[in-house]
Every structure is written in structure tokens, then in C-alpha cells.
């Protein structure tokens, strides 16, 4: 097991290797996340609507 000073040195050297995204990349990926969230919401709304409509039809037909 390494001593705390050595651990901090190794941690600092690993963090220095990280390639941080630029402003444009962050904005593009954030926009994509929001767009896909909207698409998923519309998809699940449509599926929910179809299931609800079918279930209401079955319950009113047999009820």
C-alpha cells in the first residue's frame, strides 16, 4: 500500500492526463441529450396513448 503523499502524486499525474471537452463539445452533447429526451418522451407518450385507448376499448366493449 502506497503512502498518502505518493497516492496524491499519482492521482495528480492521472488527472493531468484527462482530456477535458471544449465549450462547443459540451454544448453539442447537451443539445443531443435534450433532443433525445424529447424524442423518448414523445415515443413513450404515443405508446401509452395506444395502450390506454386499446384498454378503454376492451373495457367498454366487454364491460
PDB file of N, CA and C in Angstrom:
ATOM      1  N   UNK A   1       0.847  -1.179   0.000  1.00  0.00           N
ATOM      2  CA  UNK A   1       0.000   0.000   0.000  1.00  0.00           C
ATOM      3  C   UNK A   1       0.896   1.247   0.000  1.00  0.00           C
ATOM      4  N   UNK A   2       0.567   2.213  -0.873  1.00  0.00           N
ATOM      5  CA  UNK A   2       1.378   3.420  -1.017  1.00  0.00           C
ATOM      6  C   UNK A   2       1.072   4.396   0.106  1.00  0.00           C
ATOM      7  N   UNK A   3       2.060   5.231   0.407  1.00  0.00           N
ATOM      8  CA  UNK A   3       1.811   6.248   1.430  1.00  0.00           C
ATOM      9  C   UNK A   3       0.950   7.360   0.835  1.00  0.00           C
ATOM     10  N   UNK A   4       0.319   8.172   1.678  1.00  0.00           N
ATOM     11  CA  UNK A   4      -0.606   9.205   1.176  1.00  0.00           C
ATOM     12  C   UNK A   4       0.047  10.204   0.224  1.00  0.00           C
ATOM     13  N   UNK A   5       1.296  10.584   0.470  1.00  0.00           N
ATOM     14  CA  UNK A   5       1.969  11.535  -0.411  1.00  0.00           C
ATOM     15  C   UNK A   5       2.144  10.956  -1.811  1.00  0.00           C
ATOM     16  N   UNK A   6       2.543   9.689  -1.882  1.00  0.00           N
ATOM     17  CA  UNK A   6       2.713   9.032  -3.174  1.00  0.00           C
ATOM     18  C   UNK A   6       1.362   8.885  -3.881  1.00  0.00           C
ATOM     19  N   UNK A   7       0.329   8.570  -3.118  1.00  0.00           N
ATOM     20  CA  UNK A   7      -1.012   8.447  -3.699  1.00  0.00           C
ATOM     21  C   UNK A   7      -1.450   9.769  -4.323  1.00  0.00           C
ATOM     22  N   UNK A   8      -1.231  10.880  -3.617  1.00  0.00           N
ATOM     23  CA  UNK A   8      -1.611  12.195  -4.154  1.00  0.00           C
ATOM     24  C   UNK A   8      -0.818  12.530  -5.418  1.00  0.00           C
ATOM     25  N   UNK A   9       0.453  12.173  -5.459  1.00  0.00           N
ATOM     26  CA  UNK A   9       1.256  12.416  -6.657  1.00  0.00           C
ATOM     27  C   UNK A   9       0.719  11.622  -7.848  1.00  0.00           C
ATOM     28  N   UNK A  10       0.401  10.366  -7.612  1.00  0.00           N
ATOM     29  CA  UNK A  10      -0.126   9.527  -8.692  1.00  0.00           C
ATOM     30  C   UNK A  10      -1.491  10.027  -9.156  1.00  0.00           C
ATOM     31  N   UNK A  11      -2.324  10.440  -8.218  1.00  0.00           N
ATOM     32  CA  UNK A  11      -3.644  10.968  -8.569  1.00  0.00           C
ATOM     33  C   UNK A  11      -3.513  12.228  -9.409  1.00  0.00           C
ATOM     34  N   UNK A  12      -2.612  13.104  -9.003  1.00  0.00           N
ATOM     35  CA  UNK A  12      -2.407  14.355  -9.741  1.00  0.00           C
ATOM     36  C   UNK A  12      -1.895  14.077 -11.158  1.00  0.00           C
ATOM     37  N   UNK A  13      -1.014  13.115 -11.308  1.00  0.00           N
ATOM     38  CA  UNK A  13      -0.498  12.801 -12.640  1.00  0.00           C
ATOM     39  C   UNK A  13      -1.583  12.185 -13.522  1.00  0.00           C
ATOM     40  N   UNK A  14      -2.477  11.389 -12.944  1.00  0.00           N
ATOM     41  CA  UNK A  14      -3.579  10.808 -13.726  1.00  0.00           C
ATOM     42  C   UNK A  14      -4.581  11.877 -14.144  1.00  0.00           C
ATOM     43  N   UNK A  15      -4.872  12.815 -13.263  1.00  0.00           N
ATOM     44  CA  UNK A  15      -5.811  13.892 -13.601  1.00  0.00           C
ATOM     45  C   UNK A  15      -5.229  14.763 -14.710  1.00  0.00           C
ATOM     46  N   UNK A  16      -3.927  14.921 -14.743  1.00  0.00           N
ATOM     47  CA  UNK A  16      -3.292  15.721 -15.795  1.00  0.00           C
ATOM     48  C   UNK A  16      -3.451  15.070 -17.171  1.00  0.00           C
ATOM     49  N   UNK A  17      -3.675  13.765 -17.214  1.00  0.00           N
ATOM     50  CA  UNK A  17      -3.840  13.055 -18.485  1.00  0.00           C
ATOM     51  C   UNK A  17      -5.247  13.189 -19.068  1.00  0.00           C
ATOM     52  N   UNK A  18      -6.188  13.681 -18.271  1.00  0.00           N
ATOM     53  CA  UNK A  18      -7.581  13.783 -18.715  1.00  0.00           C
ATOM     54  C   UNK A  18      -7.697  14.844 -19.808  1.00  0.00           C
ATOM     55  N   UNK A  19      -8.413  14.514 -20.863  1.00  0.00           N
ATOM     56  CA  UNK A  19      -8.674  15.474 -21.939  1.00  0.00           C
ATOM     57  C   UNK A  19     -10.062  16.055 -21.690  1.00  0.00           C
ATOM     58  N   UNK A  20     -10.109  17.300 -21.275  1.00  0.00           N
ATOM     59  CA  UNK A  20     -11.380  17.933 -20.941  1.00  0.00           C
ATOM     60  C   UNK A  20     -12.055  18.429 -22.223  1.00  0.00           C
ATOM     61  N   UNK A  21     -13.388  18.288 -22.311  1.00  0.00           N
ATOM     62  CA  UNK A  21     -14.095  18.742 -23.522  1.00  0.00           C
ATOM     63  C   UNK A  21     -14.124  20.268 -23.594  1.00  0.00           C
ATOM     64  N   UNK A  22     -14.174  20.750 -24.819  1.00  0.00           N
ATOM     65  CA  UNK A  22     -14.268  22.184 -25.028  1.00  0.00           C
ATOM     66  C   UNK A  22     -15.711  22.657 -24.892  1.00  0.00           C
ATOM     67  N   UNK A  23     -15.895  23.961 -24.940  1.00  0.00           N
ATOM     68  CA  UNK A  23     -17.228  24.548 -24.778  1.00  0.00           C
ATOM     69  C   UNK A  23     -18.181  24.067 -25.867  1.00  0.00           C
ATOM     70  N   UNK A  24     -17.701  24.029 -27.111  1.00  0.00           N
ATOM     71  CA  UNK A  24     -18.555  23.607 -28.232  1.00  0.00           C
ATOM     72  C   UNK A  24     -18.992  22.149 -28.064  1.00  0.00           C
ATOM     73  N   UNK A  25     -18.076  21.277 -27.671  1.00  0.00           N
ATOM     74  CA  UNK A  25     -18.414  19.869 -27.494  1.00  0.00           C
ATOM     75  C   UNK A  25     -19.445  19.682 -26.379  1.00  0.00           C
ATOM     76  N   UNK A  26     -19.295  20.437 -25.309  1.00  0.00           N
ATOM     77  CA  UNK A  26     -20.260  20.350 -24.206  1.00  0.00           C
ATOM     78  C   UNK A  26     -21.639  20.815 -24.670  1.00  0.00           C
ATOM     79  N   UNK A  27     -21.690  21.908 -25.420  1.00  0.00           N
ATOM     80  CA  UNK A  27     -22.981  22.418 -25.903  1.00  0.00           C
ATOM     81  C   UNK A  27     -23.638  21.439 -26.882  1.00  0.00           C
ATOM     82  N   UNK A  28     -22.849  20.847 -27.763  1.00  0.00           N
ATOM     83  CA  UNK A  28     -23.399  19.903 -28.738  1.00  0.00           C
ATOM     84  C   UNK A  28     -23.942  18.664 -28.039  1.00  0.00           C
ATOM     85  N   UNK A  29     -23.178  18.100 -27.121  1.00  0.00           N
ATOM     86  CA  UNK A  29     -23.651  16.894 -26.437  1.00  0.00           C
ATOM     87  C   UNK A  29     -24.838  17.188 -25.532  1.00  0.00           C
ATOM     88  N   UNK A  30     -24.878  18.358 -24.920  1.00  0.00           N
ATOM     89  CA  UNK A  30     -26.034  18.736 -24.105  1.00  0.00           C
ATOM     90  C   UNK A  30     -27.282  18.869 -24.973  1.00  0.00           C
ATOM     91  N   UNK A  31     -27.123  19.481 -26.135  1.00  0.00           N
ATOM     92  CA  UNK A  31     -28.246  19.596 -27.069  1.00  0.00           C
ATOM     93  C   UNK A  31     -28.745  18.239 -27.526  1.00  0.00           C
ATOM     94  N   UNK A  32     -27.826  17.323 -27.782  1.00  0.00           N
ATOM     95  CA  UNK A  32     -28.218  15.973 -28.197  1.00  0.00           C
ATOM     96  C   UNK A  32     -28.970  15.247 -27.081  1.00  0.00           C
ATOM     97  N   UNK A  33     -28.530  15.423 -25.855  1.00  0.00           N
ATOM     98  CA  UNK A  33     -29.222  14.787 -24.729  1.00  0.00           C
ATOM     99  C   UNK A  33     -30.642  15.313 -24.626  1.00  0.00           C
ATOM    100  N   UNK A  34     -30.818  16.626 -24.719  1.00  0.00           N
ATOM    101  CA  UNK A  34     -32.165  17.193 -24.650  1.00  0.00           C
ATOM    102  C   UNK A  34     -33.030  16.732 -25.817  1.00  0.00           C
ATOM    103  N   UNK A  35     -32.461  16.682 -27.018  1.00  0.00           N
ATOM    104  CA  UNK A  35     -33.222  16.248 -28.187  1.00  0.00           C
ATOM    105  C   UNK A  35     -33.662  14.792 -28.043  1.00  0.00           C
ATOM    106  N   UNK A  36     -32.769  13.931 -27.602  1.00  0.00           N
ATOM    107  CA  UNK A  36     -33.134  12.526 -27.440  1.00  0.00           C
ATOM    108  C   UNK A  36     -34.129  12.334 -26.298  1.00  0.00           C
ATOM    109  N   UNK A  37     -34.059  13.173 -25.276  1.00  0.00           N
ATOM    110  CA  UNK A  37     -35.044  13.099 -24.198  1.00  0.00           C
ATOM    111  C   UNK A  37     -36.429  13.463 -24.719  1.00  0.00           C
ATOM    112  N   UNK A  38     -36.508  14.461 -25.587  1.00  0.00           N
ATOM    113  CA  UNK A  38     -37.791  14.845 -26.178  1.00  0.00           C
ATOM    114  C   UNK A  38     -38.319  13.725 -27.071  1.00  0.00           C
ATOM    115  N   UNK A  39     -37.447  13.134 -27.870  1.00  0.00           N
ATOM    116  CA  UNK A  39     -37.862  12.030 -28.745  1.00  0.00           C
ATOM    117  C   UNK A  39     -38.373  10.858 -27.916  1.00  0.00           C
ATOM    118  N   UNK A  40     -37.665  10.526 -26.842  1.00  0.00           N
ATOM    119  CA  UNK A  40     -38.093   9.420 -25.975  1.00  0.00           C
ATOM    120  C   UNK A  40     -39.426   9.742 -25.309  1.00  0.00           C
ATOM    121  N   UNK A  41     -39.620  10.983 -24.878  1.00  0.00           N
ATOM    122  CA  UNK A  41     -40.881  11.371 -24.245  1.00  0.00           C
ATOM    123  C   UNK A  41     -42.040  11.252 -25.232  1.00  0.00           C
ATOM    124  N   UNK A  42     -41.837  11.688 -26.461  1.00  0.00           N
ATOM    125  CA  UNK A  42     -42.889  11.584 -27.478  1.00  0.00           C
ATOM    126  C   UNK A  42     -43.190  10.120 -27.781  1.00  0.00           C
ATOM    127  N   UNK A  43     -42.151   9.297 -27.898  1.00  0.00           N
ATOM    128  CA  UNK A  43     -42.334   7.875 -28.164  1.00  0.00           C
ATOM    129  C   UNK A  43     -43.153   7.214 -27.057  1.00  0.00           C
ATOM    130  N   UNK A  44     -42.758   7.418 -25.809  1.00  0.00           N
ATOM    131  CA  UNK A  44     -43.464   6.772 -24.708  1.00  0.00           C
ATOM    132  C   UNK A  44     -44.872   7.336 -24.519  1.00  0.00           C
ATOM    133  N   UNK A  45     -45.079   8.614 -24.843  1.00  0.00           N
ATOM    134  CA  UNK A  45     -46.424   9.168 -24.820  1.00  0.00           C
ATOM    135  C   UNK A  45     -47.298   8.457 -25.850  1.00  0.00           C
ATOM    136  N   UNK A  46     -46.754   8.232 -27.033  1.00  0.00           N
ATOM    137  CA  UNK A  46     -47.513   7.542 -28.079  1.00  0.00           C
ATOM    138  C   UNK A  46     -47.843   6.107 -27.699  1.00  0.00           C
ATOM    139  N   UNK A  47     -46.885   5.386 -27.148  1.00  0.00           N
ATOM    140  CA  UNK A  47     -47.133   4.009 -26.713  1.00  0.00           C
ATOM    141  C   UNK A  47     -48.181   3.993 -25.599  1.00  0.00           C
ATOM    142  N   UNK A  48     -48.049   4.906 -24.645  1.00  0.00           N
ATOM    143  CA  UNK A  48     -49.015   4.984 -23.552  1.00  0.00           C
ATOM    144  C   UNK A  48     -50.414   5.291 -24.078  1.00  0.00           C
ATOM    145  N   UNK A  49     -50.494   6.196 -25.043  1.00  0.00           N
ATOM    146  CA  UNK A  49     -51.787   6.555 -25.618  1.00  0.00           C
ATOM    147  C   UNK A  49     -52.423   5.351 -26.316  1.00  0.00           C
ATOM    148  N   UNK A  50     -51.631   4.602 -27.074  1.00  0.00           N
ATOM    149  CA  UNK A  50     -52.158   3.426 -27.767  1.00  0.00           C
ATOM    150  C   UNK A  50     -52.641   2.356 -26.778  1.00  0.00           C
ATOM    151  N   UNK A  51     -51.866   2.093 -25.765  1.00  0.00           N
ATOM    152  CA  UNK A  51     -52.264   1.087 -24.777  1.00  0.00           C
ATOM    153  C   UNK A  51     -53.520   1.531 -24.024  1.00  0.00           C
ATOM    154  N   UNK A  52     -53.560   2.816 -23.656  1.00  0.00           N
ATOM    155  CA  UNK A  52     -54.730   3.332 -22.937  1.00  0.00           C
ATOM    156  C   UNK A  52     -55.980   3.257 -23.808  1.00  0.00           C
ATOM    157  N   UNK A  53     -55.863   3.624 -25.074  1.00  0.00           N
ATOM    158  CA  UNK A  53     -57.003   3.577 -25.984  1.00  0.00           C
ATOM    159  C   UNK A  53     -57.487   2.137 -26.180  1.00  0.00           C
ATOM    160  N   UNK A  54     -56.562   1.221 -26.366  1.00  0.00           N
ATOM    161  CA  UNK A  54     -56.937  -0.181 -26.546  1.00  0.00           C
ATOM    162  C   UNK A  54     -57.589  -0.732 -25.286  1.00  0.00           C
ATOM    163  N   UNK A  55     -57.058  -0.391 -24.134  1.00  0.00           N
ATOM    164  CA  UNK A  55     -57.613  -0.873 -22.880  1.00  0.00           C
ATOM    165  C   UNK A  55     -59.009  -0.295 -22.629  1.00  0.00           C
ATOM    166  N   UNK A  56     -59.198   0.981 -22.925  1.00  0.00           N
ATOM    167  CA  UNK A  56     -60.529   1.585 -22.782  1.00  0.00           C
ATOM    168  C   UNK A  56     -61.526   0.918 -23.725  1.00  0.00           C
ATOM    169  N   UNK A  57     -61.101   0.617 -24.947  1.00  0.00           N
ATOM    170  CA  UNK A  57     -61.983  -0.059 -25.900  1.00  0.00           C
ATOM    171  C   UNK A  57     -62.397  -1.432 -25.384  1.00  0.00           C
ATOM    172  N   UNK A  58     -61.424  -2.195 -24.903  1.00  0.00           N
ATOM    173  CA  UNK A  58     -61.719  -3.545 -24.404  1.00  0.00           C
ATOM    174  C   UNK A  58     -62.648  -3.469 -23.189  1.00  0.00           C
ATOM    175  N   UNK A  59     -62.380  -2.536 -22.285  1.00  0.00           N
ATOM    176  CA  UNK A  59     -63.206  -2.450 -21.076  1.00  0.00           C
ATOM    177  C   UNK A  59     -64.629  -1.957 -21.375  1.00  0.00           C
ATOM    178  N   UNK A  60     -64.785  -1.053 -22.342  1.00  0.00           N
ATOM    179  CA  UNK A  60     -66.144  -0.594 -22.667  1.00  0.00           C
ATOM    180  C   UNK A  60     -66.881  -1.636 -23.514  1.00  0.00           C
ATOM    181  N   UNK A  61     -66.151  -2.389 -24.332  1.00  0.00           N
ATOM    182  CA  UNK A  61     -66.789  -3.408 -25.157  1.00  0.00           C
ATOM    183  C   UNK A  61     -67.264  -4.584 -24.317  1.00  0.00           C
ATOM    184  N   UNK A  62     -66.451  -5.016 -23.388  1.00  0.00           N
ATOM    185  CA  UNK A  62     -66.808  -6.165 -22.555  1.00  0.00           C
ATOM    186  C   UNK A  62     -67.405  -5.771 -21.220  1.00  0.00           C
ATOM    187  N   UNK A  63     -67.443  -4.494 -20.902  1.00  0.00           N
ATOM    188  CA  UNK A  63     -67.910  -4.075 -19.589  1.00  0.00           C
ATOM    189  C   UNK A  63     -69.257  -3.571 -19.626  1.00  0.00           C
TER     190      UNK A  63
END
